[in-house]
Amino acid sequence: MALDKADLEALLAPLRQKYLVQLKTLLPEIEMIHSHLMEGTCSPKDMEILKYTAHRLFGSGSTYGFVAITKSARALEIELLNSGEPRDLAQLSTAFQTFLEACKDALNSTARES
């Protein structure tokens, strides 16, 4: 028995909500790392947390209907992996800002739906 789109969306709804709760929990730390990056005080630990978070959200965003998170997380991950020392902060900052906006848009769109 094949599921139609409405059935699939109904099955995914609780998982999507759980994803958004986790994203909301991650957002303050992501914003703090962004602030550190802009101030030039980003530590190696910050960068490792960011790489892990970007990779994780790249792998899961589209599953829950957040394609912009997947795309922006992947772009950020690539930038983080390809950035040498010293990092190209302009490109990294742009990728990071796009990623932050995608995360906030996902949280805001759900708040408007409620």
PDB file of N, CA and C in Angstrom:
ATOM      1  N   MET A   1       0.839  -1.175   0.000  1.00  0.00           N
ATOM      2  CA  MET A   1       0.000   0.000   0.000  1.00  0.00           C
ATOM      3  C   MET A   1       0.890   1.247   0.000  1.00  0.00           C
ATOM      4  N   ALA A   2       0.740   2.049  -1.007  1.00  0.00           N
ATOM      5  CA  ALA A   2       1.522   3.270  -1.136  1.00  0.00           C
ATOM      6  C   ALA A   2       0.860   4.405  -0.356  1.00  0.00           C
ATOM      7  N   LEU A   3       1.704   5.228   0.238  1.00  0.00           N
ATOM      8  CA  LEU A   3       1.208   6.397   0.972  1.00  0.00           C
ATOM      9  C   LEU A   3       1.068   7.577   0.017  1.00  0.00           C
ATOM     10  N   ASP A   4      -0.003   8.321   0.179  1.00  0.00           N
ATOM     11  CA  ASP A   4      -0.102   9.549  -0.608  1.00  0.00           C
ATOM     12  C   ASP A   4       0.621  10.661   0.152  1.00  0.00           C
ATOM     13  N   LYS A   5       0.726  11.810  -0.473  1.00  0.00           N
ATOM     14  CA  LYS A   5       1.482  12.923   0.108  1.00  0.00           C
ATOM     15  C   LYS A   5       0.928  13.347   1.472  1.00  0.00           C
ATOM     16  N   ALA A   6      -0.374  13.400   1.613  1.00  0.00           N
ATOM     17  CA  ALA A   6      -0.986  13.819   2.880  1.00  0.00           C
ATOM     18  C   ALA A   6      -0.675  12.831   3.997  1.00  0.00           C
ATOM     19  N   ASP A   7      -0.720  11.536   3.669  1.00  0.00           N
ATOM     20  CA  ASP A   7      -0.397  10.511   4.671  1.00  0.00           C
ATOM     21  C   ASP A   7       1.060  10.612   5.102  1.00  0.00           C
ATOM     22  N   LEU A   8       1.933  10.814   4.121  1.00  0.00           N
ATOM     23  CA  LEU A   8       3.350  10.933   4.427  1.00  0.00           C
ATOM     24  C   LEU A   8       3.617  12.167   5.287  1.00  0.00           C
ATOM     25  N   GLU A   9       2.998  13.286   4.945  1.00  0.00           N
ATOM     26  CA  GLU A   9       3.174  14.506   5.737  1.00  0.00           C
ATOM     27  C   GLU A   9       2.658  14.310   7.165  1.00  0.00           C
ATOM     28  N   ALA A  10       1.559  13.587   7.317  1.00  0.00           N
ATOM     29  CA  ALA A  10       1.021  13.325   8.655  1.00  0.00           C
ATOM     30  C   ALA A  10       1.982  12.461   9.468  1.00  0.00           C
ATOM     31  N   LEU A  11       2.623  11.500   8.808  1.00  0.00           N
ATOM     32  CA  LEU A  11       3.591  10.651   9.502  1.00  0.00           C
ATOM     33  C   LEU A  11       4.853  11.423   9.886  1.00  0.00           C
ATOM     34  N   LEU A  12       5.247  12.352   9.039  1.00  0.00           N
ATOM     35  CA  LEU A  12       6.464  13.110   9.290  1.00  0.00           C
ATOM     36  C   LEU A  12       6.269  14.296  10.241  1.00  0.00           C
ATOM     37  N   ALA A  13       5.046  14.721  10.445  1.00  0.00           N
ATOM     38  CA  ALA A  13       4.782  15.921  11.257  1.00  0.00           C
ATOM     39  C   ALA A  13       5.420  15.866  12.650  1.00  0.00           C
ATOM     40  N   PRO A  14       5.277  14.774  13.403  1.00  0.00           N
ATOM     41  CA  PRO A  14       5.907  14.754  14.729  1.00  0.00           C
ATOM     42  C   PRO A  14       7.438  14.789  14.652  1.00  0.00           C
ATOM     43  N   LEU A  15       7.997  14.141  13.637  1.00  0.00           N
ATOM     44  CA  LEU A  15       9.455  14.148  13.468  1.00  0.00           C
ATOM     45  C   LEU A  15       9.951  15.533  13.065  1.00  0.00           C
ATOM     46  N   ARG A  16       9.162  16.192  12.240  1.00  0.00           N
ATOM     47  CA  ARG A  16       9.496  17.558  11.816  1.00  0.00           C
ATOM     48  C   ARG A  16       9.496  18.490  13.031  1.00  0.00           C
ATOM     49  N   GLN A  17       8.500  18.336  13.901  1.00  0.00           N
ATOM     50  CA  GLN A  17       8.434  19.168  15.111  1.00  0.00           C
ATOM     51  C   GLN A  17       9.632  18.903  16.018  1.00  0.00           C
ATOM     52  N   LYS A  18      10.016  17.648  16.157  1.00  0.00           N
ATOM     53  CA  LYS A  18      11.178  17.301  16.977  1.00  0.00           C
ATOM     54  C   LYS A  18      12.447  17.930  16.389  1.00  0.00           C
ATOM     55  N   TYR A  19      12.563  17.883  15.069  1.00  0.00           N
ATOM     56  CA  TYR A  19      13.698  18.495  14.379  1.00  0.00           C
ATOM     57  C   TYR A  19      13.761  19.993  14.680  1.00  0.00           C
ATOM     58  N   LEU A  20      12.606  20.650  14.619  1.00  0.00           N
ATOM     59  CA  LEU A  20      12.562  22.091  14.877  1.00  0.00           C
ATOM     60  C   LEU A  20      12.896  22.425  16.326  1.00  0.00           C
ATOM     61  N   VAL A  21      12.477  21.588  17.253  1.00  0.00           N
ATOM     62  CA  VAL A  21      12.827  21.802  18.662  1.00  0.00           C
ATOM     63  C   VAL A  21      14.343  21.701  18.828  1.00  0.00           C
ATOM     64  N   GLN A  22      14.939  20.705  18.189  1.00  0.00           N
ATOM     65  CA  GLN A  22      16.395  20.556  18.268  1.00  0.00           C
ATOM     66  C   GLN A  22      17.100  21.739  17.604  1.00  0.00           C
ATOM     67  N   LEU A  23      16.573  22.197  16.473  1.00  0.00           N
ATOM     68  CA  LEU A  23      17.163  23.344  15.789  1.00  0.00           C
ATOM     69  C   LEU A  23      17.094  24.596  16.662  1.00  0.00           C
ATOM     70  N   LYS A  24      15.959  24.779  17.315  1.00  0.00           N
ATOM     71  CA  LYS A  24      15.797  25.937  18.203  1.00  0.00           C
ATOM     72  C   LYS A  24      16.794  25.875  19.357  1.00  0.00           C
ATOM     73  N   THR A  25      17.084  24.680  19.822  1.00  0.00           N
ATOM     74  CA  THR A  25      18.062  24.492  20.896  1.00  0.00           C
ATOM     75  C   THR A  25      19.479  24.787  20.409  1.00  0.00           C
ATOM     76  N   LEU A  26      19.781  24.427  19.166  1.00  0.00           N
ATOM     77  CA  LEU A  26      21.115  24.652  18.598  1.00  0.00           C
ATOM     78  C   LEU A  26      21.371  26.108  18.218  1.00  0.00           C
ATOM     79  N   LEU A  27      20.328  26.826  17.888  1.00  0.00           N
ATOM     80  CA  LEU A  27      20.482  28.168  17.321  1.00  0.00           C
ATOM     81  C   LEU A  27      21.307  29.123  18.185  1.00  0.00           C
ATOM     82  N   PRO A  28      21.115  29.199  19.501  1.00  0.00           N
ATOM     83  CA  PRO A  28      21.942  30.127  20.293  1.00  0.00           C
ATOM     84  C   PRO A  28      23.444  29.836  20.183  1.00  0.00           C
ATOM     85  N   GLU A  29      23.800  28.573  20.176  1.00  0.00           N
ATOM     86  CA  GLU A  29      25.219  28.220  20.053  1.00  0.00           C
ATOM     87  C   GLU A  29      25.749  28.588  18.663  1.00  0.00           C
ATOM     88  N   ILE A  30      24.950  28.344  17.637  1.00  0.00           N
ATOM     89  CA  ILE A  30      25.335  28.706  16.276  1.00  0.00           C
ATOM     90  C   ILE A  30      25.521  30.220  16.181  1.00  0.00           C
ATOM     91  N   GLU A  31      24.603  30.977  16.754  1.00  0.00           N
ATOM     92  CA  GLU A  31      24.706  32.446  16.734  1.00  0.00           C
ATOM     93  C   GLU A  31      25.927  32.935  17.514  1.00  0.00           C
ATOM     94  N   MET A  32      26.248  32.265  18.618  1.00  0.00           N
ATOM     95  CA  MET A  32      27.420  32.638  19.398  1.00  0.00           C
ATOM     96  C   MET A  32      28.696  32.411  18.582  1.00  0.00           C
ATOM     97  N   ILE A  33      28.772  31.292  17.875  1.00  0.00           N
ATOM     98  CA  ILE A  33      29.944  31.014  17.047  1.00  0.00           C
ATOM     99  C   ILE A  33      30.037  32.041  15.924  1.00  0.00           C
ATOM    100  N   HIS A  34      28.905  32.410  15.358  1.00  0.00           N
ATOM    101  CA  HIS A  34      28.907  33.438  14.310  1.00  0.00           C
ATOM    102  C   HIS A  34      29.454  34.753  14.867  1.00  0.00           C
ATOM    103  N   SER A  35      29.021  35.099  16.058  1.00  0.00           N
ATOM    104  CA  SER A  35      29.515  36.313  16.702  1.00  0.00           C
ATOM    105  C   SER A  35      31.032  36.235  16.916  1.00  0.00           C
ATOM    106  N   HIS A  36      31.511  35.091  17.390  1.00  0.00           N
ATOM    107  CA  HIS A  36      32.954  34.906  17.589  1.00  0.00           C
ATOM    108  C   HIS A  36      33.702  35.056  16.261  1.00  0.00           C
ATOM    109  N   LEU A  37      33.134  34.505  15.204  1.00  0.00           N
ATOM    110  CA  LEU A  37      33.763  34.601  13.885  1.00  0.00           C
ATOM    111  C   LEU A  37      33.864  36.061  13.454  1.00  0.00           C
ATOM    112  N   MET A  38      32.789  36.814  13.642  1.00  0.00           N
ATOM    113  CA  MET A  38      32.774  38.225  13.242  1.00  0.00           C
ATOM    114  C   MET A  38      33.745  39.064  14.077  1.00  0.00           C
ATOM    115  N   GLU A  39      33.936  38.666  15.341  1.00  0.00           N
ATOM    116  CA  GLU A  39      34.845  39.393  16.235  1.00  0.00           C
ATOM    117  C   GLU A  39      36.295  38.947  16.082  1.00  0.00           C
ATOM    118  N   GLY A  40      36.508  37.861  15.334  1.00  0.00           N
ATOM    119  CA  GLY A  40      37.859  37.325  15.180  1.00  0.00           C
ATOM    120  C   GLY A  40      38.323  36.516  16.373  1.00  0.00           C
ATOM    121  N   THR A  41      37.367  36.028  17.186  1.00  0.00           N
ATOM    122  CA  THR A  41      37.725  35.270  18.388  1.00  0.00           C
ATOM    123  C   THR A  41      37.250  33.813  18.314  1.00  0.00           C
ATOM    124  N   CYS A  42      37.031  33.327  17.124  1.00  0.00           N
ATOM    125  CA  CYS A  42      36.525  31.965  16.937  1.00  0.00           C
ATOM    126  C   CYS A  42      37.636  30.965  17.280  1.00  0.00           C
ATOM    127  N   SER A  43      37.351  30.062  18.186  1.00  0.00           N
ATOM    128  CA  SER A  43      38.341  29.082  18.626  1.00  0.00           C
ATOM    129  C   SER A  43      38.294  27.834  17.737  1.00  0.00           C
ATOM    130  N   PRO A  44      39.328  27.010  17.792  1.00  0.00           N
ATOM    131  CA  PRO A  44      39.284  25.734  17.069  1.00  0.00           C
ATOM    132  C   PRO A  44      38.093  24.875  17.505  1.00  0.00           C
ATOM    133  N   LYS A  45      37.753  24.933  18.786  1.00  0.00           N
ATOM    134  CA  LYS A  45      36.595  24.174  19.271  1.00  0.00           C
ATOM    135  C   LYS A  45      35.309  24.692  18.619  1.00  0.00           C
ATOM    136  N   ASP A  46      35.171  26.022  18.515  1.00  0.00           N
ATOM    137  CA  ASP A  46      34.007  26.612  17.830  1.00  0.00           C
ATOM    138  C   ASP A  46      33.895  26.065  16.415  1.00  0.00           C
ATOM    139  N   MET A  47      35.033  26.019  15.716  1.00  0.00           N
ATOM    140  CA  MET A  47      35.022  25.563  14.330  1.00  0.00           C
ATOM    141  C   MET A  47      34.643  24.088  14.227  1.00  0.00           C
ATOM    142  N   GLU A  48      35.095  23.293  15.150  1.00  0.00           N
ATOM    143  CA  GLU A  48      34.724  21.867  15.145  1.00  0.00           C
ATOM    144  C   GLU A  48      33.228  21.693  15.414  1.00  0.00           C
ATOM    145  N   ILE A  49      32.703  22.445  16.347  1.00  0.00           N
ATOM    146  CA  ILE A  49      31.262  22.395  16.631  1.00  0.00           C
ATOM    147  C   ILE A  49      30.482  22.815  15.396  1.00  0.00           C
ATOM    148  N   LEU A  50      30.937  23.863  14.734  1.00  0.00           N
ATOM    149  CA  LEU A  50      30.257  24.350  13.538  1.00  0.00           C
ATOM    150  C   LEU A  50      30.312  23.324  12.411  1.00  0.00           C
ATOM    151  N   LYS A  51      31.468  22.711  12.196  1.00  0.00           N
ATOM    152  CA  LYS A  51      31.587  21.668  11.160  1.00  0.00           C
ATOM    153  C   LYS A  51      30.620  20.531  11.438  1.00  0.00           C
ATOM    154  N   TYR A  52      30.597  20.074  12.674  1.00  0.00           N
ATOM    155  CA  TYR A  52      29.711  18.968  13.051  1.00  0.00           C
ATOM    156  C   TYR A  52      28.241  19.351  12.852  1.00  0.00           C
ATOM    157  N   THR A  53      27.879  20.536  13.300  1.00  0.00           N
ATOM    158  CA  THR A  53      26.491  20.991  13.189  1.00  0.00           C
ATOM    159  C   THR A  53      26.079  21.154  11.739  1.00  0.00           C
ATOM    160  N   ALA A  54      26.939  21.781  10.938  1.00  0.00           N
ATOM    161  CA  ALA A  54      26.627  21.961   9.516  1.00  0.00           C
ATOM    162  C   ALA A  54      26.462  20.606   8.829  1.00  0.00           C
ATOM    163  N   HIS A  55      27.349  19.677   9.130  1.00  0.00           N
ATOM    164  CA  HIS A  55      27.263  18.350   8.512  1.00  0.00           C
ATOM    165  C   HIS A  55      25.966  17.645   8.907  1.00  0.00           C
ATOM    166  N   ARG A  56      25.648  17.725  10.166  1.00  0.00           N
ATOM    167  CA  ARG A  56      24.429  17.077  10.673  1.00  0.00           C
ATOM    168  C   ARG A  56      23.166  17.663  10.038  1.00  0.00           C
ATOM    169  N   LEU A  57      23.096  18.982   9.964  1.00  0.00           N
ATOM    170  CA  LEU A  57      21.909  19.619   9.389  1.00  0.00           C
ATOM    171  C   LEU A  57      21.866  19.470   7.871  1.00  0.00           C
ATOM    172  N   PHE A  58      23.027  19.390   7.237  1.00  0.00           N
ATOM    173  CA  PHE A  58      23.072  19.102   5.800  1.00  0.00           C
ATOM    174  C   PHE A  58      22.433  17.739   5.541  1.00  0.00           C
ATOM    175  N   GLY A  59      22.738  16.786   6.391  1.00  0.00           N
ATOM    176  CA  GLY A  59      22.241  15.430   6.201  1.00  0.00           C
ATOM    177  C   GLY A  59      20.782  15.234   6.545  1.00  0.00           C
ATOM    178  N   SER A  60      20.204  16.159   7.273  1.00  0.00           N
ATOM    179  CA  SER A  60      18.833  15.926   7.744  1.00  0.00           C
ATOM    180  C   SER A  60      17.795  16.943   7.274  1.00  0.00           C
ATOM    181  N   GLY A  61      18.192  18.114   6.882  1.00  0.00           N
ATOM    182  CA  GLY A  61      17.240  19.179   6.560  1.00  0.00           C
ATOM    183  C   GLY A  61      16.180  18.805   5.543  1.00  0.00           C
ATOM    184  N   SER A  62      16.598  18.280   4.406  1.00  0.00           N
ATOM    185  CA  SER A  62      15.641  17.950   3.341  1.00  0.00           C
ATOM    186  C   SER A  62      14.671  16.856   3.760  1.00  0.00           C
ATOM    187  N   THR A  63      15.118  15.953   4.598  1.00  0.00           N
ATOM    188  CA  THR A  63      14.246  14.871   5.062  1.00  0.00           C
ATOM    189  C   THR A  63      12.979  15.426   5.703  1.00  0.00           C
ATOM    190  N   TYR A  64      13.130  16.561   6.380  1.00  0.00           N
ATOM    191  CA  TYR A  64      12.006  17.161   7.092  1.00  0.00           C
ATOM    192  C   TYR A  64      11.396  18.345   6.342  1.00  0.00           C
ATOM    193  N   GLY A  65      11.799  18.511   5.090  1.00  0.00           N
ATOM    194  CA  GLY A  65      11.209  19.553   4.261  1.00  0.00           C
ATOM    195  C   GLY A  65      11.928  20.891   4.298  1.00  0.00           C
ATOM    196  N   PHE A  66      13.133  20.928   4.832  1.00  0.00           N
ATOM    197  CA  PHE A  66      13.878  22.172   4.951  1.00  0.00           C
ATOM    198  C   PHE A  66      15.066  22.160   3.984  1.00  0.00           C
ATOM    199  N   VAL A  67      14.742  22.286   2.716  1.00  0.00           N
ATOM    200  CA  VAL A  67      15.745  22.212   1.660  1.00  0.00           C
ATOM    201  C   VAL A  67      16.771  23.338   1.796  1.00  0.00           C
ATOM    202  N   ALA A  68      16.326  24.523   2.183  1.00  0.00           N
ATOM    203  CA  ALA A  68      17.252  25.654   2.329  1.00  0.00           C
ATOM    204  C   ALA A  68      18.294  25.384   3.416  1.00  0.00           C
ATOM    205  N   ILE A  69      17.910  24.682   4.461  1.00  0.00           N
ATOM    206  CA  ILE A  69      18.874  24.322   5.505  1.00  0.00           C
ATOM    207  C   ILE A  69      19.899  23.360   4.923  1.00  0.00           C
ATOM    208  N   THR A  70      19.436  22.357   4.190  1.00  0.00           N
ATOM    209  CA  THR A  70      20.351  21.390   3.592  1.00  0.00           C
ATOM    210  C   THR A  70      21.344  22.093   2.670  1.00  0.00           C
ATOM    211  N   LYS A  71      20.848  22.930   1.779  1.00  0.00           N
ATOM    212  CA  LYS A  71      21.728  23.600   0.811  1.00  0.00           C
ATOM    213  C   LYS A  71      22.718  24.528   1.497  1.00  0.00           C
ATOM    214  N   SER A  72      22.236  25.316   2.426  1.00  0.00           N
ATOM    215  CA  SER A  72      23.129  26.281   3.079  1.00  0.00           C
ATOM    216  C   SER A  72      24.108  25.590   4.031  1.00  0.00           C
ATOM    217  N   ALA A  73      23.671  24.530   4.685  1.00  0.00           N
ATOM    218  CA  ALA A  73      24.569  23.775   5.567  1.00  0.00           C
ATOM    219  C   ALA A  73      25.677  23.118   4.755  1.00  0.00           C
ATOM    220  N   ARG A  74      25.324  22.601   3.588  1.00  0.00           N
ATOM    221  CA  ARG A  74      26.335  21.990   2.719  1.00  0.00           C
ATOM    222  C   ARG A  74      27.334  23.033   2.241  1.00  0.00           C
ATOM    223  N   ALA A  75      26.842  24.193   1.822  1.00  0.00           N
ATOM    224  CA  ALA A  75      27.742  25.259   1.370  1.00  0.00           C
ATOM    225  C   ALA A  75      28.678  25.686   2.496  1.00  0.00           C
ATOM    226  N   LEU A  76      28.149  25.790   3.709  1.00  0.00           N
ATOM    227  CA  LEU A  76      28.971  26.152   4.866  1.00  0.00           C
ATOM    228  C   LEU A  76      29.988  25.058   5.158  1.00  0.00           C
ATOM    229  N   GLU A  77      29.549  23.812   5.117  1.00  0.00           N
ATOM    230  CA  GLU A  77      30.464  22.703   5.378  1.00  0.00           C
ATOM    231  C   GLU A  77      31.609  22.697   4.365  1.00  0.00           C
ATOM    232  N   ILE A  78      31.295  22.893   3.107  1.00  0.00           N
ATOM    233  CA  ILE A  78      32.338  22.932   2.072  1.00  0.00           C
ATOM    234  C   ILE A  78      33.303  24.080   2.341  1.00  0.00           C
ATOM    235  N   GLU A  79      32.760  25.224   2.692  1.00  0.00           N
ATOM    236  CA  GLU A  79      33.605  26.380   2.987  1.00  0.00           C
ATOM    237  C   GLU A  79      34.515  26.094   4.177  1.00  0.00           C
ATOM    238  N   LEU A  80      33.974  25.454   5.194  1.00  0.00           N
ATOM    239  CA  LEU A  80      34.775  25.118   6.370  1.00  0.00           C
ATOM    240  C   LEU A  80      35.865  24.102   6.040  1.00  0.00           C
ATOM    241  N   LEU A  81      35.544  23.132   5.208  1.00  0.00           N
ATOM    242  CA  LEU A  81      36.512  22.095   4.854  1.00  0.00           C
ATOM    243  C   LEU A  81      37.582  22.612   3.900  1.00  0.00           C
ATOM    244  N   ASN A  82      37.213  23.576   3.051  1.00  0.00           N
ATOM    245  CA  ASN A  82      38.148  24.090   2.052  1.00  0.00           C
ATOM    246  C   ASN A  82      38.932  25.303   2.526  1.00  0.00           C
ATOM    247  N   SER A  83      38.524  25.885   3.623  1.00  0.00           N
ATOM    248  CA  SER A  83      39.202  27.088   4.111  1.00  0.00           C
ATOM    249  C   SER A  83      40.521  26.704   4.749  1.00  0.00           C
ATOM    250  N   GLY A  84      41.576  27.306   4.241  1.00  0.00           N
ATOM    251  CA  GLY A  84      42.880  27.100   4.861  1.00  0.00           C
ATOM    252  C   GLY A  84      43.108  28.145   5.933  1.00  0.00           C
ATOM    253  N   GLU A  85      44.294  28.159   6.451  1.00  0.00           N
ATOM    254  CA  GLU A  85      44.663  29.188   7.429  1.00  0.00           C
ATOM    255  C   GLU A  85      45.529  30.210   6.731  1.00  0.00           C
ATOM    256  N   PRO A  86      45.312  31.487   6.758  1.00  0.00           N
ATOM    257  CA  PRO A  86      44.117  32.080   7.354  1.00  0.00           C
ATOM    258  C   PRO A  86      42.896  31.859   6.465  1.00  0.00           C
ATOM    259  N   ARG A  87      41.780  31.720   7.070  1.00  0.00           N
ATOM    260  CA  ARG A  87      40.521  31.470   6.362  1.00  0.00           C
ATOM    261  C   ARG A  87      40.106  32.694   5.554  1.00  0.00           C
ATOM    262  N   ASP A  88      39.385  32.422   4.467  1.00  0.00           N
ATOM    263  CA  ASP A  88      38.771  33.517   3.710  1.00  0.00           C
ATOM    264  C   ASP A  88      37.506  33.888   4.472  1.00  0.00           C
ATOM    265  N   LEU A  89      37.625  34.853   5.352  1.00  0.00           N
ATOM    266  CA  LEU A  89      36.522  35.192   6.248  1.00  0.00           C
ATOM    267  C   LEU A  89      35.310  35.754   5.517  1.00  0.00           C
ATOM    268  N   ALA A  90      35.512  36.425   4.394  1.00  0.00           N
ATOM    269  CA  ALA A  90      34.371  36.983   3.664  1.00  0.00           C
ATOM    270  C   ALA A  90      33.492  35.853   3.126  1.00  0.00           C
ATOM    271  N   GLN A  91      34.103  34.865   2.488  1.00  0.00           N
ATOM    272  CA  GLN A  91      33.318  33.748   1.951  1.00  0.00           C
ATOM    273  C   GLN A  91      32.701  32.917   3.074  1.00  0.00           C
ATOM    274  N   LEU A  92      33.474  32.668   4.110  1.00  0.00           N
ATOM    275  CA  LEU A  92      32.974  31.901   5.240  1.00  0.00           C
ATOM    276  C   LEU A  92      31.819  32.635   5.911  1.00  0.00           C
ATOM    277  N   SER A  93      31.950  33.935   6.082  1.00  0.00           N
ATOM    278  CA  SER A  93      30.898  34.729   6.707  1.00  0.00           C
ATOM    279  C   SER A  93      29.620  34.718   5.874  1.00  0.00           C
ATOM    280  N   THR A  94      29.749  34.819   4.560  1.00  0.00           N
ATOM    281  CA  THR A  94      28.585  34.785   3.679  1.00  0.00           C
ATOM    282  C   THR A  94      27.871  33.441   3.780  1.00  0.00           C
ATOM    283  N   ALA A  95      28.634  32.353   3.729  1.00  0.00           N
ATOM    284  CA  ALA A  95      28.044  31.019   3.844  1.00  0.00           C
ATOM    285  C   ALA A  95      27.379  30.846   5.206  1.00  0.00           C
ATOM    286  N   PHE A  96      28.020  31.344   6.249  1.00  0.00           N
ATOM    287  CA  PHE A  96      27.494  31.232   7.600  1.00  0.00           C
ATOM    288  C   PHE A  96      26.196  32.025   7.731  1.00  0.00           C
ATOM    289  N   GLN A  97      26.179  33.245   7.192  1.00  0.00           N
ATOM    290  CA  GLN A  97      24.987  34.091   7.280  1.00  0.00           C
ATOM    291  C   GLN A  97      23.809  33.453   6.546  1.00  0.00           C
ATOM    292  N   THR A  98      24.061  32.883   5.382  1.00  0.00           N
ATOM    293  CA  THR A  98      23.015  32.204   4.616  1.00  0.00           C
ATOM    294  C   THR A  98      22.459  31.017   5.404  1.00  0.00           C
ATOM    295  N   PHE A  99      23.349  30.280   6.049  1.00  0.00           N
ATOM    296  CA  PHE A  99      22.950  29.142   6.875  1.00  0.00           C
ATOM    297  C   PHE A  99      22.091  29.605   8.054  1.00  0.00           C
ATOM    298  N   LEU A 100      22.515  30.657   8.737  1.00  0.00           N
ATOM    299  CA  LEU A 100      21.745  31.192   9.868  1.00  0.00           C
ATOM    300  C   LEU A 100      20.351  31.627   9.427  1.00  0.00           C
ATOM    301  N   GLU A 101      20.284  32.309   8.296  1.00  0.00           N
ATOM    302  CA  GLU A 101      18.989  32.769   7.786  1.00  0.00           C
ATOM    303  C   GLU A 101      18.074  31.592   7.450  1.00  0.00           C
ATOM    304  N   ALA A 102      18.624  30.529   6.880  1.00  0.00           N
ATOM    305  CA  ALA A 102      17.808  29.348   6.558  1.00  0.00           C
ATOM    306  C   ALA A 102      17.256  28.712   7.835  1.00  0.00           C
ATOM    307  N   CYS A 103      18.076  28.649   8.869  1.00  0.00           N
ATOM    308  CA  CYS A 103      17.622  28.083  10.146  1.00  0.00           C
ATOM    309  C   CYS A 103      16.519  28.944  10.758  1.00  0.00           C
ATOM    310  N   LYS A 104      16.736  30.243  10.771  1.00  0.00           N
ATOM    311  CA  LYS A 104      15.735  31.153  11.339  1.00  0.00           C
ATOM    312  C   LYS A 104      14.453  31.151  10.518  1.00  0.00           C
ATOM    313  N   ASP A 105      14.569  31.095   9.198  1.00  0.00           N
ATOM    314  CA  ASP A 105      13.381  31.039   8.337  1.00  0.00           C
ATOM    315  C   ASP A 105      12.557  29.790   8.625  1.00  0.00           C
ATOM    316  N   ALA A 106      13.229  28.668   8.823  1.00  0.00           N
ATOM    317  CA  ALA A 106      12.516  27.421   9.131  1.00  0.00           C
ATOM    318  C   ALA A 106      11.751  27.557  10.441  1.00  0.00           C
ATOM    319  N   LEU A 107      12.394  28.124  11.441  1.00  0.00           N
ATOM    320  CA  LEU A 107      11.730  28.300  12.733  1.00  0.00           C
ATOM    321  C   LEU A 107      10.595  29.311  12.644  1.00  0.00           C
ATOM    322  N   ASN A 108      10.797  30.391  11.901  1.00  0.00           N
ATOM    323  CA  ASN A 108       9.761  31.414  11.764  1.00  0.00           C
ATOM    324  C   ASN A 108       8.577  30.940  10.928  1.00  0.00           C
ATOM    325  N   SER A 109       8.839  30.166   9.895  1.00  0.00           N
ATOM    326  CA  SER A 109       7.725  29.693   9.051  1.00  0.00           C
ATOM    327  C   SER A 109       6.824  28.755   9.846  1.00  0.00           C
ATOM    328  N   THR A 110       7.411  27.985  10.717  1.00  0.00           N
ATOM    329  CA  THR A 110       6.612  27.077  11.537  1.00  0.00           C
ATOM    330  C   THR A 110       5.815  27.850  12.573  1.00  0.00           C
ATOM    331  N   ALA A 111       6.411  28.910  13.099  1.00  0.00           N
ATOM    332  CA  ALA A 111       5.684  29.733  14.084  1.00  0.00           C
ATOM    333  C   ALA A 111       4.467  30.389  13.430  1.00  0.00           C
ATOM    334  N   ARG A 112       4.599  30.793  12.176  1.00  0.00           N
ATOM    335  CA  ARG A 112       3.474  31.408  11.463  1.00  0.00           C
ATOM    336  C   ARG A 112       2.380  30.402  11.152  1.00  0.00           C
ATOM    337  N   GLU A 113       2.766  29.129  10.963  1.00  0.00           N
ATOM    338  CA  GLU A 113       1.781  28.086  10.652  1.00  0.00           C
ATOM    339  C   GLU A 113       0.940  27.731  11.866  1.00  0.00           C
ATOM    340  N   SER A 114       1.480  27.946  13.056  1.00  0.00           N
ATOM    341  CA  SER A 114       0.779  27.559  14.298  1.00  0.00           C
ATOM    342  C   SER A 114      -0.387  28.457  14.588  1.00  0.00           C
TER     343      SER A 114
END
